[in-house]
mmCIF file of all heavy atoms, coordinates in Angstrom:
data_MODEL
# 
_entry.id   MODEL 
# 
loop_
_atom_site.group_PDB 
_atom_site.id 
_atom_site.type_symbol 
_atom_site.label_atom_id 
_atom_site.label_alt_id 
_atom_site.label_comp_id 
_atom_site.label_asym_id 
_atom_site.label_entity_id 
_atom_site.label_seq_id 
_atom_site.pdbx_PDB_ins_code 
_atom_site.Cartn_x 
_atom_site.Cartn_y 
_atom_site.Cartn_z 
_atom_site.occupancy 
_atom_site.B_iso_or_equiv 
_atom_site.pdbx_formal_charge 
_atom_site.auth_seq_id 
_atom_site.auth_comp_id 
_atom_site.auth_asym_id 
_atom_site.auth_atom_id 
_atom_site.pdbx_PDB_model_num 
ATOM 1   N N   . TYR A 1 1  ? 0.858   -1.172  0.000  1.00 0.00 ? 1  TYR A N   1 
ATOM 2   C CA  . TYR A 1 1  ? 0.000   0.000   0.000  1.00 0.00 ? 1  TYR A CA  1 
ATOM 3   C C   . TYR A 1 1  ? 0.899   1.228   0.000  1.00 0.00 ? 1  TYR A C   1 
ATOM 4   O O   . TYR A 1 1  ? 1.687   1.426   0.926  1.00 0.00 ? 1  TYR A O   1 
ATOM 5   C CB  . TYR A 1 1  ? -0.916  -0.007  1.220  1.00 0.00 ? 1  TYR A CB  1 
ATOM 6   C CG  . TYR A 1 1  ? -1.815  1.193   1.313  1.00 0.00 ? 1  TYR A CG  1 
ATOM 7   C CD1 . TYR A 1 1  ? -2.883  1.348   0.439  1.00 0.00 ? 1  TYR A CD1 1 
ATOM 8   C CD2 . TYR A 1 1  ? -1.590  2.180   2.256  1.00 0.00 ? 1  TYR A CD2 1 
ATOM 9   C CE1 . TYR A 1 1  ? -3.711  2.455   0.513  1.00 0.00 ? 1  TYR A CE1 1 
ATOM 10  C CE2 . TYR A 1 1  ? -2.408  3.288   2.344  1.00 0.00 ? 1  TYR A CE2 1 
ATOM 11  C CZ  . TYR A 1 1  ? -3.458  3.420   1.473  1.00 0.00 ? 1  TYR A CZ  1 
ATOM 12  O OH  . TYR A 1 1  ? -4.277  4.524   1.545  1.00 0.00 ? 1  TYR A OH  1 
ATOM 13  N N   . ARG A 1 2  ? 0.803   2.009   -1.052 1.00 0.00 ? 2  ARG A N   1 
ATOM 14  C CA  . ARG A 1 2  ? 1.595   3.233   -1.205 1.00 0.00 ? 2  ARG A CA  1 
ATOM 15  C C   . ARG A 1 2  ? 3.085   2.993   -0.983 1.00 0.00 ? 2  ARG A C   1 
ATOM 16  O O   . ARG A 1 2  ? 3.759   3.731   -0.268 1.00 0.00 ? 2  ARG A O   1 
ATOM 17  C CB  . ARG A 1 2  ? 1.092   4.309   -0.261 1.00 0.00 ? 2  ARG A CB  1 
ATOM 18  C CG  . ARG A 1 2  ? -0.286  4.794   -0.614 1.00 0.00 ? 2  ARG A CG  1 
ATOM 19  C CD  . ARG A 1 2  ? -0.670  5.983   0.188  1.00 0.00 ? 2  ARG A CD  1 
ATOM 20  N NE  . ARG A 1 2  ? -2.005  6.429   -0.212 1.00 0.00 ? 2  ARG A NE  1 
ATOM 21  C CZ  . ARG A 1 2  ? -2.577  7.493   0.272  1.00 0.00 ? 2  ARG A CZ  1 
ATOM 22  N NH1 . ARG A 1 2  ? -1.979  8.243   1.172  1.00 0.00 ? 2  ARG A NH1 1 
ATOM 23  N NH2 . ARG A 1 2  ? -3.778  7.831   -0.131 1.00 0.00 ? 2  ARG A NH2 1 
ATOM 24  N N   . GLY A 1 3  ? 3.569   1.906   -1.558 1.00 0.00 ? 3  GLY A N   1 
ATOM 25  C CA  . GLY A 1 3  ? 4.997   1.628   -1.495 1.00 0.00 ? 3  GLY A CA  1 
ATOM 26  C C   . GLY A 1 3  ? 5.462   0.880   -0.258 1.00 0.00 ? 3  GLY A C   1 
ATOM 27  O O   . GLY A 1 3  ? 6.617   0.487   -0.177 1.00 0.00 ? 3  GLY A O   1 
ATOM 28  N N   . ASN A 1 4  ? 4.595   0.695   0.719  1.00 0.00 ? 4  ASN A N   1 
ATOM 29  C CA  . ASN A 1 4  ? 4.965   -0.035  1.928  1.00 0.00 ? 4  ASN A CA  1 
ATOM 30  C C   . ASN A 1 4  ? 4.361   -1.432  1.899  1.00 0.00 ? 4  ASN A C   1 
ATOM 31  O O   . ASN A 1 4  ? 3.264   -1.628  1.401  1.00 0.00 ? 4  ASN A O   1 
ATOM 32  C CB  . ASN A 1 4  ? 4.466   0.691   3.185  1.00 0.00 ? 4  ASN A CB  1 
ATOM 33  C CG  . ASN A 1 4  ? 5.151   2.024   3.384  1.00 0.00 ? 4  ASN A CG  1 
ATOM 34  O OD1 . ASN A 1 4  ? 6.340   2.159   3.117  1.00 0.00 ? 4  ASN A OD1 1 
ATOM 35  N ND2 . ASN A 1 4  ? 4.407   3.019   3.817  1.00 0.00 ? 4  ASN A ND2 1 
ATOM 36  N N   . THR A 1 5  ? 5.092   -2.370  2.473  1.00 0.00 ? 5  THR A N   1 
ATOM 37  C CA  . THR A 1 5  ? 4.618   -3.749  2.543  1.00 0.00 ? 5  THR A CA  1 
ATOM 38  C C   . THR A 1 5  ? 4.059   -4.011  3.934  1.00 0.00 ? 5  THR A C   1 
ATOM 39  O O   . THR A 1 5  ? 4.702   -3.690  4.941  1.00 0.00 ? 5  THR A O   1 
ATOM 40  C CB  . THR A 1 5  ? 5.766   -4.734  2.254  1.00 0.00 ? 5  THR A CB  1 
ATOM 41  O OG1 . THR A 1 5  ? 6.283   -4.449  0.951  1.00 0.00 ? 5  THR A OG1 1 
ATOM 42  C CG2 . THR A 1 5  ? 5.281   -6.166  2.293  1.00 0.00 ? 5  THR A CG2 1 
ATOM 43  N N   . TYR A 1 6  ? 2.856   -4.591  3.988  1.00 0.00 ? 6  TYR A N   1 
ATOM 44  C CA  . TYR A 1 6  ? 2.200   -4.913  5.249  1.00 0.00 ? 6  TYR A CA  1 
ATOM 45  C C   . TYR A 1 6  ? 1.891   -6.402  5.294  1.00 0.00 ? 6  TYR A C   1 
ATOM 46  O O   . TYR A 1 6  ? 1.507   -6.992  4.290  1.00 0.00 ? 6  TYR A O   1 
ATOM 47  C CB  . TYR A 1 6  ? 0.880   -4.144  5.393  1.00 0.00 ? 6  TYR A CB  1 
ATOM 48  C CG  . TYR A 1 6  ? 1.055   -2.656  5.449  1.00 0.00 ? 6  TYR A CG  1 
ATOM 49  C CD1 . TYR A 1 6  ? 0.978   -1.885  4.292  1.00 0.00 ? 6  TYR A CD1 1 
ATOM 50  C CD2 . TYR A 1 6  ? 1.317   -2.026  6.647  1.00 0.00 ? 6  TYR A CD2 1 
ATOM 51  C CE1 . TYR A 1 6  ? 1.152   -0.522  4.324  1.00 0.00 ? 6  TYR A CE1 1 
ATOM 52  C CE2 . TYR A 1 6  ? 1.498   -0.649  6.703  1.00 0.00 ? 6  TYR A CE2 1 
ATOM 53  C CZ  . TYR A 1 6  ? 1.413   0.095   5.546  1.00 0.00 ? 6  TYR A CZ  1 
ATOM 54  O OH  . TYR A 1 6  ? 1.582   1.450   5.589  1.00 0.00 ? 6  TYR A OH  1 
ATOM 55  N N   . VAL A 1 7  ? 2.058   -6.982  6.464  1.00 0.00 ? 7  VAL A N   1 
ATOM 56  C CA  . VAL A 1 7  ? 1.703   -8.381  6.666  1.00 0.00 ? 7  VAL A CA  1 
ATOM 57  C C   . VAL A 1 7  ? 0.301   -8.416  7.258  1.00 0.00 ? 7  VAL A C   1 
ATOM 58  O O   . VAL A 1 7  ? 0.044   -7.836  8.308  1.00 0.00 ? 7  VAL A O   1 
ATOM 59  C CB  . VAL A 1 7  ? 2.697   -9.086  7.606  1.00 0.00 ? 7  VAL A CB  1 
ATOM 60  C CG1 . VAL A 1 7  ? 2.253   -10.520 7.865  1.00 0.00 ? 7  VAL A CG1 1 
ATOM 61  C CG2 . VAL A 1 7  ? 4.096   -9.060  7.008  1.00 0.00 ? 7  VAL A CG2 1 
ATOM 62  N N   . VAL A 1 8  ? -0.614  -9.077  6.554  1.00 0.00 ? 8  VAL A N   1 
ATOM 63  C CA  . VAL A 1 8  ? -1.986  -9.237  7.030  1.00 0.00 ? 8  VAL A CA  1 
ATOM 64  C C   . VAL A 1 8  ? -2.104  -10.684 7.486  1.00 0.00 ? 8  VAL A C   1 
ATOM 65  O O   . VAL A 1 8  ? -2.185  -11.594 6.668  1.00 0.00 ? 8  VAL A O   1 
ATOM 66  C CB  . VAL A 1 8  ? -3.010  -8.937  5.905  1.00 0.00 ? 8  VAL A CB  1 
ATOM 67  C CG1 . VAL A 1 8  ? -4.431  -9.125  6.414  1.00 0.00 ? 8  VAL A CG1 1 
ATOM 68  C CG2 . VAL A 1 8  ? -2.797  -7.539  5.369  1.00 0.00 ? 8  VAL A CG2 1 
ATOM 69  N N   . ASN A 1 9  ? -2.053  -10.909 8.818  1.00 0.00 ? 9  ASN A N   1 
ATOM 70  C CA  . ASN A 1 9  ? -2.072  -12.289 9.279  1.00 0.00 ? 9  ASN A CA  1 
ATOM 71  C C   . ASN A 1 9  ? -3.360  -12.679 9.997  1.00 0.00 ? 9  ASN A C   1 
ATOM 72  O O   . ASN A 1 9  ? -3.503  -13.809 10.414 1.00 0.00 ? 9  ASN A O   1 
ATOM 73  C CB  . ASN A 1 9  ? -0.854  -12.601 10.147 1.00 0.00 ? 9  ASN A CB  1 
ATOM 74  C CG  . ASN A 1 9  ? -0.719  -11.668 11.320 1.00 0.00 ? 9  ASN A CG  1 
ATOM 75  O OD1 . ASN A 1 9  ? -1.585  -10.847 11.572 1.00 0.00 ? 9  ASN A OD1 1 
ATOM 76  N ND2 . ASN A 1 9  ? 0.379   -11.779 12.034 1.00 0.00 ? 9  ASN A ND2 1 
ATOM 77  N N   . LEU A 1 10 ? -4.291  -11.771 10.138 1.00 0.00 ? 10 LEU A N   1 
ATOM 78  C CA  . LEU A 1 10 ? -5.626  -12.099 10.634 1.00 0.00 ? 10 LEU A CA  1 
ATOM 79  C C   . LEU A 1 10 ? -6.603  -11.861 9.488  1.00 0.00 ? 10 LEU A C   1 
ATOM 80  O O   . LEU A 1 10 ? -6.874  -10.728 9.108  1.00 0.00 ? 10 LEU A O   1 
ATOM 81  C CB  . LEU A 1 10 ? -6.004  -11.247 11.847 1.00 0.00 ? 10 LEU A CB  1 
ATOM 82  C CG  . LEU A 1 10 ? -5.201  -11.530 13.112 1.00 0.00 ? 10 LEU A CG  1 
ATOM 83  C CD1 . LEU A 1 10 ? -5.620  -10.572 14.218 1.00 0.00 ? 10 LEU A CD1 1 
ATOM 84  C CD2 . LEU A 1 10 ? -5.380  -12.955 13.567 1.00 0.00 ? 10 LEU A CD2 1 
ATOM 85  N N   . LEU A 1 11 ? -7.114  -12.945 8.942  1.00 0.00 ? 11 LEU A N   1 
ATOM 86  C CA  . LEU A 1 11 ? -7.959  -12.865 7.756  1.00 0.00 ? 11 LEU A CA  1 
ATOM 87  C C   . LEU A 1 11 ? -9.430  -12.854 8.128  1.00 0.00 ? 11 LEU A C   1 
ATOM 88  O O   . LEU A 1 11 ? -9.836  -13.478 9.115  1.00 0.00 ? 11 LEU A O   1 
ATOM 89  C CB  . LEU A 1 11 ? -7.666  -14.059 6.851  1.00 0.00 ? 11 LEU A CB  1 
ATOM 90  C CG  . LEU A 1 11 ? -6.206  -14.160 6.397  1.00 0.00 ? 11 LEU A CG  1 
ATOM 91  C CD1 . LEU A 1 11 ? -5.990  -15.458 5.658  1.00 0.00 ? 11 LEU A CD1 1 
ATOM 92  C CD2 . LEU A 1 11 ? -5.840  -12.975 5.527  1.00 0.00 ? 11 LEU A CD2 1 
ATOM 93  N N   . PRO A 1 12 ? -10.256 -12.149 7.359  1.00 0.00 ? 12 PRO A N   1 
ATOM 94  C CA  . PRO A 1 12 ? -11.691 -12.118 7.661  1.00 0.00 ? 12 PRO A CA  1 
ATOM 95  C C   . PRO A 1 12 ? -12.341 -13.475 7.400  1.00 0.00 ? 12 PRO A C   1 
ATOM 96  O O   . PRO A 1 12 ? -12.084 -14.112 6.379  1.00 0.00 ? 12 PRO A O   1 
ATOM 97  C CB  . PRO A 1 12 ? -12.240 -11.045 6.722  1.00 0.00 ? 12 PRO A CB  1 
ATOM 98  C CG  . PRO A 1 12 ? -11.237 -10.921 5.633  1.00 0.00 ? 12 PRO A CG  1 
ATOM 99  C CD  . PRO A 1 12 ? -9.912  -11.322 6.207  1.00 0.00 ? 12 PRO A CD  1 
ATOM 100 N N   . LYS A 1 13 ? -13.158 -13.899 8.337  1.00 0.00 ? 13 LYS A N   1 
ATOM 101 C CA  . LYS A 1 13 ? -13.913 -15.152 8.240  1.00 0.00 ? 13 LYS A CA  1 
ATOM 102 C C   . LYS A 1 13 ? -15.320 -14.897 8.763  1.00 0.00 ? 13 LYS A C   1 
ATOM 103 O O   . LYS A 1 13 ? -15.611 -13.855 9.329  1.00 0.00 ? 13 LYS A O   1 
ATOM 104 C CB  . LYS A 1 13 ? -13.258 -16.268 9.068  1.00 0.00 ? 13 LYS A CB  1 
ATOM 105 C CG  . LYS A 1 13 ? -11.845 -16.620 8.665  1.00 0.00 ? 13 LYS A CG  1 
ATOM 106 C CD  . LYS A 1 13 ? -11.814 -17.346 7.357  1.00 0.00 ? 13 LYS A CD  1 
ATOM 107 C CE  . LYS A 1 13 ? -10.381 -17.712 6.975  1.00 0.00 ? 13 LYS A CE  1 
ATOM 108 N NZ  . LYS A 1 13 ? -10.324 -18.398 5.722  1.00 0.00 ? 13 LYS A NZ  1 
ATOM 109 N N   . ILE A 1 14 ? -16.189 -15.871 8.593  1.00 0.00 ? 14 ILE A N   1 
ATOM 110 C CA  . ILE A 1 14 ? -17.551 -15.838 9.126  1.00 0.00 ? 14 ILE A CA  1 
ATOM 111 C C   . ILE A 1 14 ? -17.703 -17.011 10.080 1.00 0.00 ? 14 ILE A C   1 
ATOM 112 O O   . ILE A 1 14 ? -17.286 -18.126 9.763  1.00 0.00 ? 14 ILE A O   1 
ATOM 113 C CB  . ILE A 1 14 ? -18.597 -15.976 7.992  1.00 0.00 ? 14 ILE A CB  1 
ATOM 114 C CG1 . ILE A 1 14 ? -18.524 -14.804 7.023  1.00 0.00 ? 14 ILE A CG1 1 
ATOM 115 C CG2 . ILE A 1 14 ? -20.006 -16.140 8.552  1.00 0.00 ? 14 ILE A CG2 1 
ATOM 116 C CD1 . ILE A 1 14 ? -19.029 -13.495 7.590  1.00 0.00 ? 14 ILE A CD1 1 
ATOM 117 N N   . LYS A 1 15 ? -18.297 -16.753 11.248 1.00 0.00 ? 15 LYS A N   1 
ATOM 118 C CA  . LYS A 1 15 ? -18.593 -17.839 12.181 1.00 0.00 ? 15 LYS A CA  1 
ATOM 119 C C   . LYS A 1 15 ? -20.099 -18.044 12.218 1.00 0.00 ? 15 LYS A C   1 
ATOM 120 O O   . LYS A 1 15 ? -20.853 -17.120 12.505 1.00 0.00 ? 15 LYS A O   1 
ATOM 121 C CB  . LYS A 1 15 ? -18.081 -17.537 13.579 1.00 0.00 ? 15 LYS A CB  1 
ATOM 122 C CG  . LYS A 1 15 ? -18.386 -18.666 14.561 1.00 0.00 ? 15 LYS A CG  1 
ATOM 123 C CD  . LYS A 1 15 ? -17.608 -18.552 15.853 1.00 0.00 ? 15 LYS A CD  1 
ATOM 124 C CE  . LYS A 1 15 ? -18.327 -17.715 16.851 1.00 0.00 ? 15 LYS A CE  1 
ATOM 125 N NZ  . LYS A 1 15 ? -17.732 -17.807 18.198 1.00 0.00 ? 15 LYS A NZ  1 
ATOM 126 N N   . LEU A 1 16 ? -20.520 -19.263 11.883 1.00 0.00 ? 16 LEU A N   1 
ATOM 127 C CA  . LEU A 1 16 ? -21.926 -19.652 11.965 1.00 0.00 ? 16 LEU A CA  1 
ATOM 128 C C   . LEU A 1 16 ? -22.122 -20.465 13.232 1.00 0.00 ? 16 LEU A C   1 
ATOM 129 O O   . LEU A 1 16 ? -21.314 -21.334 13.538 1.00 0.00 ? 16 LEU A O   1 
ATOM 130 C CB  . LEU A 1 16 ? -22.323 -20.524 10.776 1.00 0.00 ? 16 LEU A CB  1 
ATOM 131 C CG  . LEU A 1 16 ? -22.104 -19.985 9.379  1.00 0.00 ? 16 LEU A CG  1 
ATOM 132 C CD1 . LEU A 1 16 ? -22.458 -21.052 8.358  1.00 0.00 ? 16 LEU A CD1 1 
ATOM 133 C CD2 . LEU A 1 16 ? -22.937 -18.758 9.163  1.00 0.00 ? 16 LEU A CD2 1 
ATOM 134 N N   . GLU A 1 17 ? -23.207 -20.198 13.946 1.00 0.00 ? 17 GLU A N   1 
ATOM 135 C CA  . GLU A 1 17 ? -23.559 -20.994 15.112 1.00 0.00 ? 17 GLU A CA  1 
ATOM 136 C C   . GLU A 1 17 ? -24.989 -21.482 14.933 1.00 0.00 ? 17 GLU A C   1 
ATOM 137 O O   . GLU A 1 17 ? -25.885 -20.680 14.671 1.00 0.00 ? 17 GLU A O   1 
ATOM 138 C CB  . GLU A 1 17 ? -23.438 -20.169 16.383 1.00 0.00 ? 17 GLU A CB  1 
ATOM 139 C CG  . GLU A 1 17 ? -22.012 -19.731 16.677 1.00 0.00 ? 17 GLU A CG  1 
ATOM 140 C CD  . GLU A 1 17 ? -21.924 -18.848 17.896 1.00 0.00 ? 17 GLU A CD  1 
ATOM 141 O OE1 . GLU A 1 17 ? -21.773 -19.391 19.009 1.00 0.00 ? 17 GLU A OE1 1 
ATOM 142 O OE2 . GLU A 1 17 ? -22.027 -17.622 17.731 1.00 0.00 ? 17 GLU A OE2 1 
ATOM 143 N N   . LEU A 1 18 ? -25.186 -22.792 15.054 1.00 0.00 ? 18 LEU A N   1 
ATOM 144 C CA  . LEU A 1 18 ? -26.510 -23.399 14.901 1.00 0.00 ? 18 LEU A CA  1 
ATOM 145 C C   . LEU A 1 18 ? -26.702 -24.424 16.013 1.00 0.00 ? 18 LEU A C   1 
ATOM 146 O O   . LEU A 1 18 ? -25.765 -25.123 16.369 1.00 0.00 ? 18 LEU A O   1 
ATOM 147 C CB  . LEU A 1 18 ? -26.621 -24.148 13.570 1.00 0.00 ? 18 LEU A CB  1 
ATOM 148 C CG  . LEU A 1 18 ? -26.195 -23.448 12.306 1.00 0.00 ? 18 LEU A CG  1 
ATOM 149 C CD1 . LEU A 1 18 ? -24.906 -24.041 11.792 1.00 0.00 ? 18 LEU A CD1 1 
ATOM 150 C CD2 . LEU A 1 18 ? -27.261 -23.608 11.284 1.00 0.00 ? 18 LEU A CD2 1 
ATOM 151 N N   . VAL A 1 19 ? -27.904 -24.514 16.521 1.00 0.00 ? 19 VAL A N   1 
ATOM 152 C CA  . VAL A 1 19 ? -28.253 -25.596 17.436 1.00 0.00 ? 19 VAL A CA  1 
ATOM 153 C C   . VAL A 1 19 ? -29.319 -26.419 16.732 1.00 0.00 ? 19 VAL A C   1 
ATOM 154 O O   . VAL A 1 19 ? -30.346 -25.891 16.308 1.00 0.00 ? 19 VAL A O   1 
ATOM 155 C CB  . VAL A 1 19 ? -28.752 -25.061 18.796 1.00 0.00 ? 19 VAL A CB  1 
ATOM 156 C CG1 . VAL A 1 19 ? -29.158 -26.206 19.692 1.00 0.00 ? 19 VAL A CG1 1 
ATOM 157 C CG2 . VAL A 1 19 ? -27.663 -24.227 19.466 1.00 0.00 ? 19 VAL A CG2 1 
ATOM 158 N N   . VAL A 1 20 ? -29.038 -27.728 16.595 1.00 0.00 ? 20 VAL A N   1 
ATOM 159 C CA  . VAL A 1 20 ? -29.925 -28.619 15.851 1.00 0.00 ? 20 VAL A CA  1 
ATOM 160 C C   . VAL A 1 20 ? -30.197 -29.880 16.664 1.00 0.00 ? 20 VAL A C   1 
ATOM 161 O O   . VAL A 1 20 ? -29.523 -30.152 17.656 1.00 0.00 ? 20 VAL A O   1 
ATOM 162 C CB  . VAL A 1 20 ? -29.308 -28.990 14.477 1.00 0.00 ? 20 VAL A CB  1 
ATOM 163 C CG1 . VAL A 1 20 ? -29.143 -27.754 13.606 1.00 0.00 ? 20 VAL A CG1 1 
ATOM 164 C CG2 . VAL A 1 20 ? -27.988 -29.697 14.638 1.00 0.00 ? 20 VAL A CG2 1 
ATOM 165 N N   . THR A 1 21 ? -31.175 -30.637 16.220 1.00 0.00 ? 21 THR A N   1 
ATOM 166 C CA  . THR A 1 21 ? -31.523 -31.882 16.913 1.00 0.00 ? 21 THR A CA  1 
ATOM 167 C C   . THR A 1 21 ? -30.432 -32.931 16.699 1.00 0.00 ? 21 THR A C   1 
ATOM 168 O O   . THR A 1 21 ? -29.657 -32.863 15.745 1.00 0.00 ? 21 THR A O   1 
ATOM 169 C CB  . THR A 1 21 ? -32.861 -32.443 16.392 1.00 0.00 ? 21 THR A CB  1 
ATOM 170 O OG1 . THR A 1 21 ? -32.705 -32.782 15.013 1.00 0.00 ? 21 THR A OG1 1 
ATOM 171 C CG2 . THR A 1 21 ? -33.987 -31.434 16.566 1.00 0.00 ? 21 THR A CG2 1 
ATOM 172 N N   . ASP A 1 22 ? -30.408 -33.904 17.602 1.00 0.00 ? 22 ASP A N   1 
ATOM 173 C CA  . ASP A 1 22 ? -29.441 -35.004 17.480 1.00 0.00 ? 22 ASP A CA  1 
ATOM 174 C C   . ASP A 1 22 ? -29.626 -35.771 16.182 1.00 0.00 ? 22 ASP A C   1 
ATOM 175 O O   . ASP A 1 22 ? -28.664 -36.284 15.612 1.00 0.00 ? 22 ASP A O   1 
ATOM 176 C CB  . ASP A 1 22 ? -29.564 -35.961 18.668 1.00 0.00 ? 22 ASP A CB  1 
ATOM 177 C CG  . ASP A 1 22 ? -29.057 -35.348 19.963 1.00 0.00 ? 22 ASP A CG  1 
ATOM 178 O OD1 . ASP A 1 22 ? -28.165 -34.474 19.907 1.00 0.00 ? 22 ASP A OD1 1 
ATOM 179 O OD2 . ASP A 1 22 ? -29.546 -35.744 21.040 1.00 0.00 ? 22 ASP A OD2 1 
ATOM 180 N N   . GLU A 1 23 ? -30.872 -35.844 15.700 1.00 0.00 ? 23 GLU A N   1 
ATOM 181 C CA  . GLU A 1 23 ? -31.158 -36.600 14.483 1.00 0.00 ? 23 GLU A CA  1 
ATOM 182 C C   . GLU A 1 23 ? -30.653 -35.907 13.221 1.00 0.00 ? 23 GLU A C   1 
ATOM 183 O O   . GLU A 1 23 ? -30.346 -36.559 12.229 1.00 0.00 ? 23 GLU A O   1 
ATOM 184 C CB  . GLU A 1 23 ? -32.669 -36.850 14.339 1.00 0.00 ? 23 GLU A CB  1 
ATOM 185 C CG  . GLU A 1 23 ? -33.263 -37.728 15.416 1.00 0.00 ? 23 GLU A CG  1 
ATOM 186 C CD  . GLU A 1 23 ? -33.518 -36.987 16.725 1.00 0.00 ? 23 GLU A CD  1 
ATOM 187 O OE1 . GLU A 1 23 ? -33.787 -35.766 16.695 1.00 0.00 ? 23 GLU A OE1 1 
ATOM 188 O OE2 . GLU A 1 23 ? -33.420 -37.624 17.781 1.00 0.00 ? 23 GLU A OE2 1 
ATOM 189 N N   . SER A 1 24 ? -30.596 -34.573 13.249 1.00 0.00 ? 24 SER A N   1 
ATOM 190 C CA  . SER A 1 24 ? -30.255 -33.854 12.022 1.00 0.00 ? 24 SER A CA  1 
ATOM 191 C C   . SER A 1 24 ? -28.835 -33.305 11.982 1.00 0.00 ? 24 SER A C   1 
ATOM 192 O O   . SER A 1 24 ? -28.399 -32.831 10.930 1.00 0.00 ? 24 SER A O   1 
ATOM 193 C CB  . SER A 1 24 ? -31.242 -32.703 11.799 1.00 0.00 ? 24 SER A CB  1 
ATOM 194 O OG  . SER A 1 24 ? -31.104 -31.742 12.816 1.00 0.00 ? 24 SER A OG  1 
ATOM 195 N N   . PHE A 1 25 ? -28.083 -33.401 13.079 1.00 0.00 ? 25 PHE A N   1 
ATOM 196 C CA  . PHE A 1 25 ? -26.799 -32.702 13.085 1.00 0.00 ? 25 PHE A CA  1 
ATOM 197 C C   . PHE A 1 25 ? -25.787 -33.252 12.079 1.00 0.00 ? 25 PHE A C   1 
ATOM 198 O O   . PHE A 1 25 ? -25.023 -32.488 11.494 1.00 0.00 ? 25 PHE A O   1 
ATOM 199 C CB  . PHE A 1 25 ? -26.214 -32.609 14.498 1.00 0.00 ? 25 PHE A CB  1 
ATOM 200 C CG  . PHE A 1 25 ? -25.344 -33.753 14.918 1.00 0.00 ? 25 PHE A CG  1 
ATOM 201 C CD1 . PHE A 1 25 ? -23.975 -33.677 14.771 1.00 0.00 ? 25 PHE A CD1 1 
ATOM 202 C CD2 . PHE A 1 25 ? -25.896 -34.892 15.484 1.00 0.00 ? 25 PHE A CD2 1 
ATOM 203 C CE1 . PHE A 1 25 ? -23.168 -34.721 15.176 1.00 0.00 ? 25 PHE A CE1 1 
ATOM 204 C CE2 . PHE A 1 25 ? -25.107 -35.929 15.891 1.00 0.00 ? 25 PHE A CE2 1 
ATOM 205 C CZ  . PHE A 1 25 ? -23.728 -35.856 15.733 1.00 0.00 ? 25 PHE A CZ  1 
ATOM 206 N N   . GLU A 1 26 ? -25.782 -34.559 11.823 1.00 0.00 ? 26 GLU A N   1 
ATOM 207 C CA  . GLU A 1 26 ? -24.842 -35.110 10.838 1.00 0.00 ? 26 GLU A CA  1 
ATOM 208 C C   . GLU A 1 26 ? -25.150 -34.575 9.439  1.00 0.00 ? 26 GLU A C   1 
ATOM 209 O O   . GLU A 1 26 ? -24.242 -34.227 8.679  1.00 0.00 ? 26 GLU A O   1 
ATOM 210 C CB  . GLU A 1 26 ? -24.889 -36.640 10.831 1.00 0.00 ? 26 GLU A CB  1 
ATOM 211 C CG  . GLU A 1 26 ? -24.275 -37.291 12.050 1.00 0.00 ? 26 GLU A CG  1 
ATOM 212 C CD  . GLU A 1 26 ? -22.752 -37.197 12.107 1.00 0.00 ? 26 GLU A CD  1 
ATOM 213 O OE1 . GLU A 1 26 ? -22.118 -36.801 11.107 1.00 0.00 ? 26 GLU A OE1 1 
ATOM 214 O OE2 . GLU A 1 26 ? -22.194 -37.527 13.161 1.00 0.00 ? 26 GLU A OE2 1 
ATOM 215 N N   . ALA A 1 27 ? -26.433 -34.483 9.106  1.00 0.00 ? 27 ALA A N   1 
ATOM 216 C CA  . ALA A 1 27 ? -26.824 -33.956 7.793  1.00 0.00 ? 27 ALA A CA  1 
ATOM 217 C C   . ALA A 1 27 ? -26.457 -32.479 7.676  1.00 0.00 ? 27 ALA A C   1 
ATOM 218 O O   . ALA A 1 27 ? -25.995 -32.032 6.621  1.00 0.00 ? 27 ALA A O   1 
ATOM 219 C CB  . ALA A 1 27 ? -28.317 -34.149 7.574  1.00 0.00 ? 27 ALA A CB  1 
ATOM 220 N N   . VAL A 1 28 ? -26.646 -31.713 8.746  1.00 0.00 ? 28 VAL A N   1 
ATOM 221 C CA  . VAL A 1 28 ? -26.313 -30.290 8.733  1.00 0.00 ? 28 VAL A CA  1 
ATOM 222 C C   . VAL A 1 28 ? -24.813 -30.097 8.556  1.00 0.00 ? 28 VAL A C   1 
ATOM 223 O O   . VAL A 1 28 ? -24.370 -29.251 7.773  1.00 0.00 ? 28 VAL A O   1 
ATOM 224 C CB  . VAL A 1 28 ? -26.828 -29.587 10.010 1.00 0.00 ? 28 VAL A CB  1 
ATOM 225 C CG1 . VAL A 1 28 ? -26.292 -28.164 10.108 1.00 0.00 ? 28 VAL A CG1 1 
ATOM 226 C CG2 . VAL A 1 28 ? -28.352 -29.584 10.042 1.00 0.00 ? 28 VAL A CG2 1 
# 
């Protein structure tokens, strides 16, 4: 960026949280 080098070591991600029944969790 503008001639300088930066190390980006924390990358953007998405965290999904779901609570499901015991019967459906493998399919999910």
